[in-house]
Amino acid sequence: MEQLLGNFSLGLFILQTVLFIGLVLLLKKFAWKPILDAVNEREEGIKSALQAAEKARKEMQDVQSNNEKLLAEARLERDAMIKEAREIREKMIVESKSKAEEEGRKMIEHARLSIENEKQAAVAEIKAQVSQLSLQIAEKVLISELSSNETQAKLVDRLLSDTTSN
């Protein structure tokens, strides 16, 4: 160190100081400012990227919550549709049963009426046949009974006596 102080030259020192200050000024003008601007620009880019990431995260949360709401609404709508379909099915079953019962009653009533009509027709036909047979039998009996004049006179007398008594 003594050797440095012994060789100390004031002119050289001033020249070196001026050169150093010039170098610092040149670095400040051409190197430090662009470096600091690049660092600041990078810092701003990182901040904006972080903000964008935070915004995207919030949007994702909003989208997820909206999806959950839509899913819940869809489930409720599905449940309502299923319930409505079940009610419609039950209603259709009840209506079908009542229609079937009504049709059955109508068919039974129609069959009953048809049987009654056929029964009455059969009875009328039997009555007609019986009356025709009775007339034929009566005719034959009368012919055989009234074949003689004597029996005809007795019959007339008997009928007259019955008529006068009444």
Protein backbone atom coordinates (compact mmCIF):
# COMPACT_ATOMS: atom_id res chain seq x y z
CA MET A 1 0.00 0.00 0.00
CA GLU A 2 2.87 2.39 0.69
CA GLN A 3 4.17 1.72 -2.64
CA LEU A 4 0.86 2.72 -4.13
CA LEU A 5 0.83 5.90 -2.17
CA GLY A 6 4.38 6.61 -3.15
CA ASN A 7 3.62 6.19 -6.83
CA PHE A 8 0.46 8.21 -6.54
CA SER A 9 -0.10 10.66 -9.32
CA LEU A 10 -2.81 13.23 -8.98
CA GLY A 11 -3.29 13.66 -12.74
CA LEU A 12 -3.67 9.98 -13.27
CA PHE A 13 -6.14 9.81 -10.43
CA ILE A 14 -8.25 12.63 -11.88
CA LEU A 15 -8.08 11.08 -15.35
CA GLN A 16 -9.17 7.72 -13.99
CA THR A 17 -11.96 9.40 -11.98
CA VAL A 18 -13.20 11.26 -15.07
CA LEU A 19 -13.01 8.07 -17.14
CA PHE A 20 -14.88 6.17 -14.43
CA ILE A 21 -17.59 8.85 -14.18
CA GLY A 22 -17.82 8.89 -18.02
CA LEU A 23 -18.06 5.13 -18.07
CA VAL A 24 -20.80 5.22 -15.40
CA LEU A 25 -22.68 7.89 -17.39
CA LEU A 26 -22.33 5.90 -20.63
CA LEU A 27 -23.46 2.74 -18.87
CA LYS A 28 -26.34 4.65 -17.32
CA LYS A 29 -27.40 6.06 -20.66
CA PHE A 30 -26.87 2.99 -22.87
CA ALA A 31 -26.84 -0.04 -20.57
CA TRP A 32 -28.55 0.60 -17.25
CA LYS A 33 -31.64 2.25 -18.65
CA PRO A 34 -32.37 -0.54 -21.21
CA ILE A 35 -31.53 -3.20 -18.61
CA LEU A 36 -33.77 -1.53 -16.00
CA ASP A 37 -36.49 -1.01 -18.62
CA ALA A 38 -36.24 -4.71 -19.61
CA VAL A 39 -36.38 -5.72 -15.93
CA ASN A 40 -39.36 -3.40 -15.31
CA GLU A 41 -41.05 -4.64 -18.48
CA ARG A 42 -40.49 -8.24 -17.41
CA GLU A 43 -41.82 -7.41 -13.94
CA GLU A 44 -44.94 -5.86 -15.50
CA GLY A 45 -45.33 -8.91 -17.77
CA ILE A 46 -45.12 -11.22 -14.76
CA LYS A 47 -47.65 -9.09 -12.86
CA SER A 48 -50.05 -9.07 -15.81
CA ALA A 49 -49.57 -12.84 -16.27
CA LEU A 50 -50.33 -13.37 -12.56
CA GLN A 51 -53.42 -11.14 -12.86
CA ALA A 52 -54.53 -13.01 -15.96
CA ALA A 53 -53.99 -16.32 -14.18
CA GLU A 54 -56.01 -15.09 -11.19
CA LYS A 55 -58.74 -13.83 -13.51
CA ALA A 56 -58.76 -17.16 -15.35
CA ARG A 57 -58.94 -19.01 -12.01
CA LYS A 58 -61.93 -16.86 -10.96
CA GLU A 59 -63.58 -17.43 -14.34
CA MET A 60 -63.02 -21.17 -13.96
CA GLN A 61 -64.62 -21.03 -10.52
CA ASP A 62 -67.56 -19.08 -11.95
CA VAL A 63 -67.91 -21.52 -14.82
CA GLN A 64 -67.70 -24.44 -12.41
CA SER A 65 -70.33 -22.93 -10.11
CA ASN A 66 -72.53 -22.18 -13.15
CA ASN A 67 -72.06 -25.77 -14.32
CA GLU A 68 -73.03 -27.04 -10.89
CA LYS A 69 -76.12 -24.81 -10.91
CA LEU A 70 -77.06 -25.98 -14.40
CA LEU A 71 -76.49 -29.58 -13.38
CA ALA A 72 -78.67 -29.12 -10.29
CA GLU A 73 -81.39 -27.46 -12.39
CA ALA A 74 -81.15 -30.26 -14.94
CA ARG A 75 -81.50 -32.84 -12.17
CA LEU A 76 -84.54 -31.04 -10.78
CA GLU A 77 -86.07 -30.80 -14.25
CA ARG A 78 -85.33 -34.48 -14.89
CA ASP A 79 -86.93 -35.43 -11.57
CA ALA A 80 -89.98 -33.30 -12.38
CA MET A 81 -90.26 -34.91 -15.82
CA ILE A 82 -89.96 -38.39 -14.32
CA LYS A 83 -92.60 -37.55 -11.73
CA GLU A 84 -94.89 -36.14 -14.42
CA ALA A 85 -94.33 -39.22 -16.59
CA ARG A 86 -95.21 -41.48 -13.66
CA GLU A 87 -98.35 -39.47 -12.96
CA ILE A 88 -99.35 -39.65 -16.63
CA ARG A 89 -98.67 -43.39 -16.65
CA GLU A 90 -100.78 -43.92 -13.52
CA LYS A 91 -103.55 -41.77 -14.98
CA MET A 92 -103.45 -43.75 -18.23
CA ILE A 93 -103.61 -47.03 -16.30
CA VAL A 94 -106.59 -45.83 -14.27
CA GLU A 95 -108.32 -44.54 -17.40
CA SER A 96 -107.62 -47.79 -19.24
CA LYS A 97 -108.98 -49.83 -16.36
CA SER A 98 -112.12 -47.72 -16.11
CA LYS A 99 -112.63 -47.89 -19.89
CA ALA A 100 -112.12 -51.65 -19.84
CA GLU A 101 -114.58 -52.01 -16.96
CA GLU A 102 -117.12 -49.81 -18.76
CA GLU A 103 -116.68 -51.77 -21.99
CA GLY A 104 -117.08 -55.01 -20.03
CA ARG A 105 -120.27 -53.73 -18.41
CA LYS A 106 -121.61 -52.65 -21.81
CA MET A 107 -120.76 -56.02 -23.33
CA ILE A 108 -122.43 -57.87 -20.44
CA GLU A 109 -125.52 -55.66 -20.67
CA HIS A 110 -125.64 -56.14 -24.44
CA ALA A 111 -125.31 -59.91 -24.00
CA ARG A 112 -128.01 -59.87 -21.30
CA LEU A 113 -130.38 -57.91 -23.58
CA SER A 114 -129.59 -60.19 -26.49
CA ILE A 115 -130.27 -63.28 -24.37
CA GLU A 116 -133.52 -61.74 -23.06
CA ASN A 117 -134.66 -60.89 -26.60
CA GLU A 118 -133.85 -64.37 -27.85
CA LYS A 119 -135.56 -65.91 -24.83
CA GLN A 120 -138.70 -63.83 -25.50
CA ALA A 121 -138.59 -64.78 -29.17
CA ALA A 122 -138.21 -68.46 -28.25
CA VAL A 123 -141.09 -68.24 -25.75
CA ALA A 124 -143.28 -66.49 -28.34
CA GLU A 125 -142.43 -69.13 -30.91
CA ILE A 126 -143.18 -71.92 -28.43
CA LYS A 127 -146.49 -70.24 -27.52
CA ALA A 128 -147.37 -69.95 -31.18
CA GLN A 129 -146.56 -73.61 -31.76
CA VAL A 130 -148.45 -74.68 -28.63
CA SER A 131 -151.50 -72.65 -29.61
CA GLN A 132 -151.38 -74.06 -33.13
CA LEU A 133 -151.04 -77.57 -31.76
CA SER A 134 -153.88 -76.90 -29.27
CA LEU A 135 -156.12 -75.72 -32.08
CA GLN A 136 -155.30 -78.77 -34.14
CA ILE A 137 -155.97 -81.06 -31.18
CA ALA A 138 -159.19 -79.23 -30.34
CA GLU A 139 -160.28 -79.44 -33.95
CA LYS A 140 -159.65 -83.18 -34.01
CA VAL A 141 -161.36 -83.66 -30.65
CA LEU A 142 -164.36 -81.61 -31.77
CA ILE A 143 -164.56 -83.45 -35.03
CA SER A 144 -164.48 -86.79 -33.24
CA GLU A 145 -166.87 -85.60 -30.49
CA LEU A 146 -169.29 -83.91 -32.79
CA SER A 147 -169.37 -86.66 -35.34
CA SER A 148 -172.78 -87.70 -34.17
CA ASN A 149 -175.91 -85.52 -33.99
CA GLU A 150 -176.74 -86.71 -30.54
CA THR A 151 -173.42 -85.55 -29.05
CA GLN A 152 -173.76 -82.19 -30.83
CA ALA A 153 -177.15 -81.62 -29.21
CA LYS A 154 -175.82 -82.53 -25.77
CA LEU A 155 -172.90 -80.11 -26.18
CA VAL A 156 -175.17 -77.26 -27.28
CA ASP A 157 -177.48 -77.85 -24.32
CA ARG A 158 -174.63 -77.91 -21.87
CA LEU A 159 -173.13 -74.68 -23.29
CA LEU A 160 -176.48 -72.93 -23.11
CA SER A 161 -177.03 -73.99 -19.53
CA ASP A 162 -173.52 -72.74 -18.62
CA THR A 163 -174.14 -69.42 -20.32
CA THR A 164 -177.47 -68.82 -18.57
CA SER A 165 -176.01 -69.66 -15.22
CA ASN A 166 -173.33 -67.05 -15.50
